Amino acid sequence: MLGTGLLSWDNGRRTMGCVVLDWNQTGARIQPADMLGCPEQFTLLTKSGTRVPCDVRWREDKLLGVRFI
């Protein structure tokens, strides 16, 4: 699941690119295109078609830690 992805929120009306750095059973570490514009909850869409609702658990520099919900 590593590679580029897309964050989607506001019922799909808003999106933002991202890079997926790590992925496990419960969450992921991602680098969004814009940290300041990134919401607390969104759906992570991967190139392979996976869609996972996420909740931001931590923010550090340009990275996010998210939990799958």
PDB file of N, CA and C in Angstrom:
ATOM      1  N   MET A   1       0.805  -1.205   0.000  1.00  0.00           N
ATOM      2  CA  MET A   1       0.000   0.000   0.000  1.00  0.00           C
ATOM      3  C   MET A   1       0.851   1.273   0.000  1.00  0.00           C
ATOM      4  N   LEU A   2       2.142   1.158  -0.076  1.00  0.00           N
ATOM      5  CA  LEU A   2       2.991   2.328  -0.056  1.00  0.00           C
ATOM      6  C   LEU A   2       2.984   3.016  -1.412  1.00  0.00           C
ATOM      7  N   GLY A   3       3.100   4.325  -1.415  1.00  0.00           N
ATOM      8  CA  GLY A   3       3.098   5.098  -2.654  1.00  0.00           C
ATOM      9  C   GLY A   3       2.194   6.304  -2.525  1.00  0.00           C
ATOM     10  N   THR A   4       1.753   6.820  -3.648  1.00  0.00           N
ATOM     11  CA  THR A   4       0.900   8.002  -3.613  1.00  0.00           C
ATOM     12  C   THR A   4      -0.543   7.622  -3.321  1.00  0.00           C
ATOM     13  N   GLY A   5      -1.272   8.572  -2.779  1.00  0.00           N
ATOM     14  CA  GLY A   5      -2.669   8.362  -2.457  1.00  0.00           C
ATOM     15  C   GLY A   5      -3.419   9.670  -2.526  1.00  0.00           C
ATOM     16  N   LEU A   6      -4.650   9.642  -2.087  1.00  0.00           N
ATOM     17  CA  LEU A   6      -5.504  10.809  -2.100  1.00  0.00           C
ATOM     18  C   LEU A   6      -6.313  10.834  -0.812  1.00  0.00           C
ATOM     19  N   LEU A   7      -6.376  12.000  -0.188  1.00  0.00           N
ATOM     20  CA  LEU A   7      -7.233  12.206   0.981  1.00  0.00           C
ATOM     21  C   LEU A   7      -8.521  12.830   0.470  1.00  0.00           C
ATOM     22  N   SER A   8      -9.652  12.347   0.928  1.00  0.00           N
ATOM     23  CA  SER A   8     -10.947  12.844   0.489  1.00  0.00           C
ATOM     24  C   SER A   8     -11.809  13.138   1.711  1.00  0.00           C
ATOM     25  N   TRP A   9     -12.492  14.287   1.710  1.00  0.00           N
ATOM     26  CA  TRP A   9     -13.393  14.637   2.803  1.00  0.00           C
ATOM     27  C   TRP A   9     -14.485  15.553   2.268  1.00  0.00           C
ATOM     28  N   ASP A  10     -15.382  15.951   3.129  1.00  0.00           N
ATOM     29  CA  ASP A  10     -16.530  16.782   2.744  1.00  0.00           C
ATOM     30  C   ASP A  10     -17.341  16.068   1.652  1.00  0.00           C
ATOM     31  N   ASN A  11     -17.637  14.776   1.921  1.00  0.00           N
ATOM     32  CA  ASN A  11     -18.417  13.948   0.985  1.00  0.00           C
ATOM     33  C   ASN A  11     -17.793  13.901  -0.404  1.00  0.00           C
ATOM     34  N   GLY A  12     -16.462  13.881  -0.461  1.00  0.00           N
ATOM     35  CA  GLY A  12     -15.761  13.770  -1.730  1.00  0.00           C
ATOM     36  C   GLY A  12     -15.585  15.071  -2.485  1.00  0.00           C
ATOM     37  N   ARG A  13     -16.107  16.169  -1.927  1.00  0.00           N
ATOM     38  CA  ARG A  13     -15.995  17.457  -2.607  1.00  0.00           C
ATOM     39  C   ARG A  13     -14.602  18.068  -2.477  1.00  0.00           C
ATOM     40  N   ARG A  14     -13.839  17.625  -1.479  1.00  0.00           N
ATOM     41  CA  ARG A  14     -12.488  18.148  -1.269  1.00  0.00           C
ATOM     42  C   ARG A  14     -11.505  16.987  -1.266  1.00  0.00           C
ATOM     43  N   THR A  15     -10.362  17.184  -1.905  1.00  0.00           N
ATOM     44  CA  THR A  15      -9.327  16.156  -1.962  1.00  0.00           C
ATOM     45  C   THR A  15      -7.941  16.793  -1.849  1.00  0.00           C
ATOM     46  N   MET A  16      -6.981  15.955  -1.524  1.00  0.00           N
ATOM     47  CA  MET A  16      -5.596  16.390  -1.399  1.00  0.00           C
ATOM     48  C   MET A  16      -4.701  15.183  -1.643  1.00  0.00           C
ATOM     49  N   GLY A  17      -3.637  15.374  -2.371  1.00  0.00           N
ATOM     50  CA  GLY A  17      -2.684  14.296  -2.597  1.00  0.00           C
ATOM     51  C   GLY A  17      -1.873  13.994  -1.349  1.00  0.00           C
ATOM     52  N   CYS A  18      -1.293  12.800  -1.309  1.00  0.00           N
ATOM     53  CA  CYS A  18      -0.456  12.409  -0.187  1.00  0.00           C
ATOM     54  C   CYS A  18       0.503  11.306  -0.617  1.00  0.00           C
ATOM     55  N   VAL A  19       1.478  11.052   0.238  1.00  0.00           N
ATOM     56  CA  VAL A  19       2.374   9.923   0.065  1.00  0.00           C
ATOM     57  C   VAL A  19       2.185   9.020   1.276  1.00  0.00           C
ATOM     58  N   VAL A  20       1.932   7.739   1.044  1.00  0.00           N
ATOM     59  CA  VAL A  20       1.775   6.767   2.122  1.00  0.00           C
ATOM     60  C   VAL A  20       3.157   6.178   2.408  1.00  0.00           C
ATOM     61  N   LEU A  21       3.661   6.417   3.630  1.00  0.00           N
ATOM     62  CA  LEU A  21       5.013   5.997   3.994  1.00  0.00           C
ATOM     63  C   LEU A  21       5.044   4.644   4.691  1.00  0.00           C
ATOM     64  N   ASP A  22       4.079   4.389   5.549  1.00  0.00           N
ATOM     65  CA  ASP A  22       3.964   3.125   6.283  1.00  0.00           C
ATOM     66  C   ASP A  22       2.501   2.741   6.351  1.00  0.00           C
ATOM     67  N   TRP A  23       2.235   1.438   6.425  1.00  0.00           N
ATOM     68  CA  TRP A  23       0.857   0.938   6.469  1.00  0.00           C
ATOM     69  C   TRP A  23       0.858  -0.322   7.319  1.00  0.00           C
ATOM     70  N   ASN A  24      -0.106  -0.440   8.254  1.00  0.00           N
ATOM     71  CA  ASN A  24      -0.266  -1.684   9.007  1.00  0.00           C
ATOM     72  C   ASN A  24      -1.747  -1.960   9.195  1.00  0.00           C
ATOM     73  N   GLN A  25      -2.087  -2.915  10.030  1.00  0.00           N
ATOM     74  CA  GLN A  25      -3.491  -3.324  10.227  1.00  0.00           C
ATOM     75  C   GLN A  25      -4.368  -2.211  10.794  1.00  0.00           C
ATOM     76  N   THR A  26      -3.797  -1.339  11.623  1.00  0.00           N
ATOM     77  CA  THR A  26      -4.614  -0.365  12.339  1.00  0.00           C
ATOM     78  C   THR A  26      -4.456   1.074  11.869  1.00  0.00           C
ATOM     79  N   GLY A  27      -3.435   1.359  11.062  1.00  0.00           N
ATOM     80  CA  GLY A  27      -3.238   2.737  10.640  1.00  0.00           C
ATOM     81  C   GLY A  27      -2.089   2.901   9.669  1.00  0.00           C
ATOM     82  N   ALA A  28      -1.726   4.162   9.457  1.00  0.00           N
ATOM     83  CA  ALA A  28      -0.678   4.472   8.490  1.00  0.00           C
ATOM     84  C   ALA A  28       0.031   5.758   8.882  1.00  0.00           C
ATOM     85  N   ARG A  29       1.193   5.950   8.280  1.00  0.00           N
ATOM     86  CA  ARG A  29       1.939   7.199   8.400  1.00  0.00           C
ATOM     87  C   ARG A  29       1.958   7.796   7.001  1.00  0.00           C
ATOM     88  N   ILE A  30       1.453   9.025   6.882  1.00  0.00           N
ATOM     89  CA  ILE A  30       1.345   9.648   5.575  1.00  0.00           C
ATOM     90  C   ILE A  30       1.932  11.057   5.579  1.00  0.00           C
ATOM     91  N   GLN A  31       2.267  11.515   4.388  1.00  0.00           N
ATOM     92  CA  GLN A  31       2.743  12.885   4.193  1.00  0.00           C
ATOM     93  C   GLN A  31       1.758  13.580   3.260  1.00  0.00           C
ATOM     94  N   PRO A  32       0.876  14.440   3.815  1.00  0.00           N
ATOM     95  CA  PRO A  32      -0.098  15.134   2.973  1.00  0.00           C
ATOM     96  C   PRO A  32       0.559  16.268   2.194  1.00  0.00           C
ATOM     97  N   ALA A  33      -0.067  16.670   1.102  1.00  0.00           N
ATOM     98  CA  ALA A  33       0.446  17.777   0.295  1.00  0.00           C
ATOM     99  C   ALA A  33       0.422  19.092   1.072  1.00  0.00           C
ATOM    100  N   ASP A  34      -0.536  19.256   1.994  1.00  0.00           N
ATOM    101  CA  ASP A  34      -0.680  20.502   2.749  1.00  0.00           C
ATOM    102  C   ASP A  34      -1.106  20.180   4.180  1.00  0.00           C
ATOM    103  N   MET A  35      -0.166  20.242   5.102  1.00  0.00           N
ATOM    104  CA  MET A  35      -0.480  19.919   6.507  1.00  0.00           C
ATOM    105  C   MET A  35      -1.568  20.824   7.082  1.00  0.00           C
ATOM    106  N   LEU A  36      -1.500  22.120   6.773  1.00  0.00           N
ATOM    107  CA  LEU A  36      -2.455  23.063   7.354  1.00  0.00           C
ATOM    108  C   LEU A  36      -3.873  22.843   6.845  1.00  0.00           C
ATOM    109  N   GLY A  37      -4.018  22.375   5.617  1.00  0.00           N
ATOM    110  CA  GLY A  37      -5.344  22.156   5.048  1.00  0.00           C
ATOM    111  C   GLY A  37      -5.908  20.773   5.290  1.00  0.00           C
ATOM    112  N   CYS A  38      -5.164  19.933   5.995  1.00  0.00           N
ATOM    113  CA  CYS A  38      -5.572  18.545   6.211  1.00  0.00           C
ATOM    114  C   CYS A  38      -6.541  18.449   7.402  1.00  0.00           C
ATOM    115  N   PRO A  39      -7.737  17.888   7.188  1.00  0.00           N
ATOM    116  CA  PRO A  39      -8.720  17.782   8.275  1.00  0.00           C
ATOM    117  C   PRO A  39      -8.366  16.661   9.256  1.00  0.00           C
ATOM    118  N   GLU A  40      -9.100  16.588  10.346  1.00  0.00           N
ATOM    119  CA  GLU A  40      -8.887  15.560  11.371  1.00  0.00           C
ATOM    120  C   GLU A  40      -9.433  14.197  10.963  1.00  0.00           C
ATOM    121  N   GLN A  41     -10.422  14.170  10.080  1.00  0.00           N
ATOM    122  CA  GLN A  41     -10.982  12.909   9.573  1.00  0.00           C
ATOM    123  C   GLN A  41     -11.129  13.003   8.064  1.00  0.00           C
ATOM    124  N   PHE A  42     -10.827  11.908   7.385  1.00  0.00           N
ATOM    125  CA  PHE A  42     -10.904  11.852   5.934  1.00  0.00           C
ATOM    126  C   PHE A  42     -10.902  10.395   5.497  1.00  0.00           C
ATOM    127  N   THR A  43     -11.100  10.163   4.215  1.00  0.00           N
ATOM    128  CA  THR A  43     -10.972   8.830   3.632  1.00  0.00           C
ATOM    129  C   THR A  43      -9.680   8.801   2.834  1.00  0.00           C
ATOM    130  N   LEU A  44      -8.861   7.791   3.083  1.00  0.00           N
ATOM    131  CA  LEU A  44      -7.615   7.603   2.353  1.00  0.00           C
ATOM    132  C   LEU A  44      -7.896   6.682   1.168  1.00  0.00           C
ATOM    133  N   LEU A  45      -7.585   7.163  -0.032  1.00  0.00           N
ATOM    134  CA  LEU A  45      -7.779   6.398  -1.258  1.00  0.00           C
ATOM    135  C   LEU A  45      -6.408   6.063  -1.827  1.00  0.00           C
ATOM    136  N   THR A  46      -6.173   4.786  -2.118  1.00  0.00           N
ATOM    137  CA  THR A  46      -4.884   4.369  -2.669  1.00  0.00           C
ATOM    138  C   THR A  46      -5.003   4.093  -4.166  1.00  0.00           C
ATOM    139  N   LYS A  47      -3.862   3.984  -4.823  1.00  0.00           N
ATOM    140  CA  LYS A  47      -3.841   3.689  -6.262  1.00  0.00           C
ATOM    141  C   LYS A  47      -4.503   2.355  -6.577  1.00  0.00           C
ATOM    142  N   SER A  48      -4.441   1.415  -5.626  1.00  0.00           N
ATOM    143  CA  SER A  48      -5.024   0.098  -5.859  1.00  0.00           C
ATOM    144  C   SER A  48      -6.542   0.074  -5.668  1.00  0.00           C
ATOM    145  N   GLY A  49      -7.125   1.209  -5.264  1.00  0.00           N
ATOM    146  CA  GLY A  49      -8.572   1.284  -5.104  1.00  0.00           C
ATOM    147  C   GLY A  49      -9.058   1.109  -3.675  1.00  0.00           C
ATOM    148  N   THR A  50      -8.147   0.909  -2.735  1.00  0.00           N
ATOM    149  CA  THR A  50      -8.529   0.780  -1.330  1.00  0.00           C
ATOM    150  C   THR A  50      -9.049   2.120  -0.816  1.00  0.00           C
ATOM    151  N   ARG A  51     -10.147   2.069  -0.072  1.00  0.00           N
ATOM    152  CA  ARG A  51     -10.744   3.260   0.551  1.00  0.00           C
ATOM    153  C   ARG A  51     -10.860   2.981   2.044  1.00  0.00           C
ATOM    154  N   VAL A  52     -10.176   3.788   2.860  1.00  0.00           N
ATOM    155  CA  VAL A  52     -10.166   3.555   4.302  1.00  0.00           C
ATOM    156  C   VAL A  52     -10.463   4.859   5.047  1.00  0.00           C
ATOM    157  N   PRO A  53     -11.547   4.896   5.848  1.00  0.00           N
ATOM    158  CA  PRO A  53     -11.794   6.070   6.690  1.00  0.00           C
ATOM    159  C   PRO A  53     -10.689   6.184   7.740  1.00  0.00           C
ATOM    160  N   CYS A  54     -10.213   7.415   7.983  1.00  0.00           N
ATOM    161  CA  CYS A  54      -9.089   7.637   8.893  1.00  0.00           C
ATOM    162  C   CYS A  54      -9.373   8.759   9.877  1.00  0.00           C
ATOM    163  N   ASP A  55      -8.726   8.659  11.024  1.00  0.00           N
ATOM    164  CA  ASP A  55      -8.772   9.656  12.085  1.00  0.00           C
ATOM    165  C   ASP A  55      -7.319  10.023  12.400  1.00  0.00           C
ATOM    166  N   VAL A  56      -6.979  11.311  12.357  1.00  0.00           N
ATOM    167  CA  VAL A  56      -5.608  11.732  12.646  1.00  0.00           C
ATOM    168  C   VAL A  56      -5.320  11.538  14.132  1.00  0.00           C
ATOM    169  N   ARG A  57      -4.248  10.825  14.450  1.00  0.00           N
ATOM    170  CA  ARG A  57      -3.850  10.566  15.842  1.00  0.00           C
ATOM    171  C   ARG A  57      -2.696  11.460  16.271  1.00  0.00           C
ATOM    172  N   TRP A  58      -1.811  11.801  15.332  1.00  0.00           N
ATOM    173  CA  TRP A  58      -0.709  12.705  15.649  1.00  0.00           C
ATOM    174  C   TRP A  58      -0.243  13.440  14.396  1.00  0.00           C
ATOM    175  N   ARG A  59       0.367  14.603  14.621  1.00  0.00           N
ATOM    176  CA  ARG A  59       0.959  15.425  13.564  1.00  0.00           C
ATOM    177  C   ARG A  59       2.365  15.777  14.009  1.00  0.00           C
ATOM    178  N   GLU A  60       3.313  15.601  13.111  1.00  0.00           N
ATOM    179  CA  GLU A  60       4.705  15.912  13.434  1.00  0.00           C
ATOM    180  C   GLU A  60       5.400  16.391  12.170  1.00  0.00           C
ATOM    181  N   ASP A  61       5.921  17.621  12.203  1.00  0.00           N
ATOM    182  CA  ASP A  61       6.553  18.225  11.031  1.00  0.00           C
ATOM    183  C   ASP A  61       5.616  18.121   9.833  1.00  0.00           C
ATOM    184  N   LYS A  62       5.975  17.349   8.828  1.00  0.00           N
ATOM    185  CA  LYS A  62       5.166  17.213   7.613  1.00  0.00           C
ATOM    186  C   LYS A  62       4.452  15.869   7.542  1.00  0.00           C
ATOM    187  N   LEU A  63       4.388  15.156   8.676  1.00  0.00           N
ATOM    188  CA  LEU A  63       3.812  13.802   8.677  1.00  0.00           C
ATOM    189  C   LEU A  63       2.572  13.708   9.549  1.00  0.00           C
ATOM    190  N   LEU A  64       1.710  12.767   9.191  1.00  0.00           N
ATOM    191  CA  LEU A  64       0.517  12.440   9.977  1.00  0.00           C
ATOM    192  C   LEU A  64       0.539  10.970  10.340  1.00  0.00           C
ATOM    193  N   GLY A  65       0.114  10.660  11.546  1.00  0.00           N
ATOM    194  CA  GLY A  65      -0.172   9.294  11.933  1.00  0.00           C
ATOM    195  C   GLY A  65      -1.679   9.154  11.983  1.00  0.00           C
ATOM    196  N   VAL A  66      -2.224   8.202  11.240  1.00  0.00           N
ATOM    197  CA  VAL A  66      -3.682   8.031  11.211  1.00  0.00           C
ATOM    198  C   VAL A  66      -4.079   6.645  11.677  1.00  0.00           C
ATOM    199  N   ARG A  67      -5.257   6.581  12.282  1.00  0.00           N
ATOM    200  CA  ARG A  67      -5.849   5.319  12.709  1.00  0.00           C
ATOM    201  C   ARG A  67      -7.003   5.035  11.771  1.00  0.00           C
ATOM    202  N   PHE A  68      -7.106   3.785  11.324  1.00  0.00           N
ATOM    203  CA  PHE A  68      -8.222   3.397  10.478  1.00  0.00           C
ATOM    204  C   PHE A  68      -9.470   3.234  11.347  1.00  0.00           C
ATOM    205  N   ILE A  69     -10.591   3.800  10.892  1.00  0.00           N
ATOM    206  CA  ILE A  69     -11.838   3.734  11.665  1.00  0.00           C
ATOM    207  C   ILE A  69     -12.937   3.065  10.855  1.00  0.00           C
TER     208      ILE A  69
END
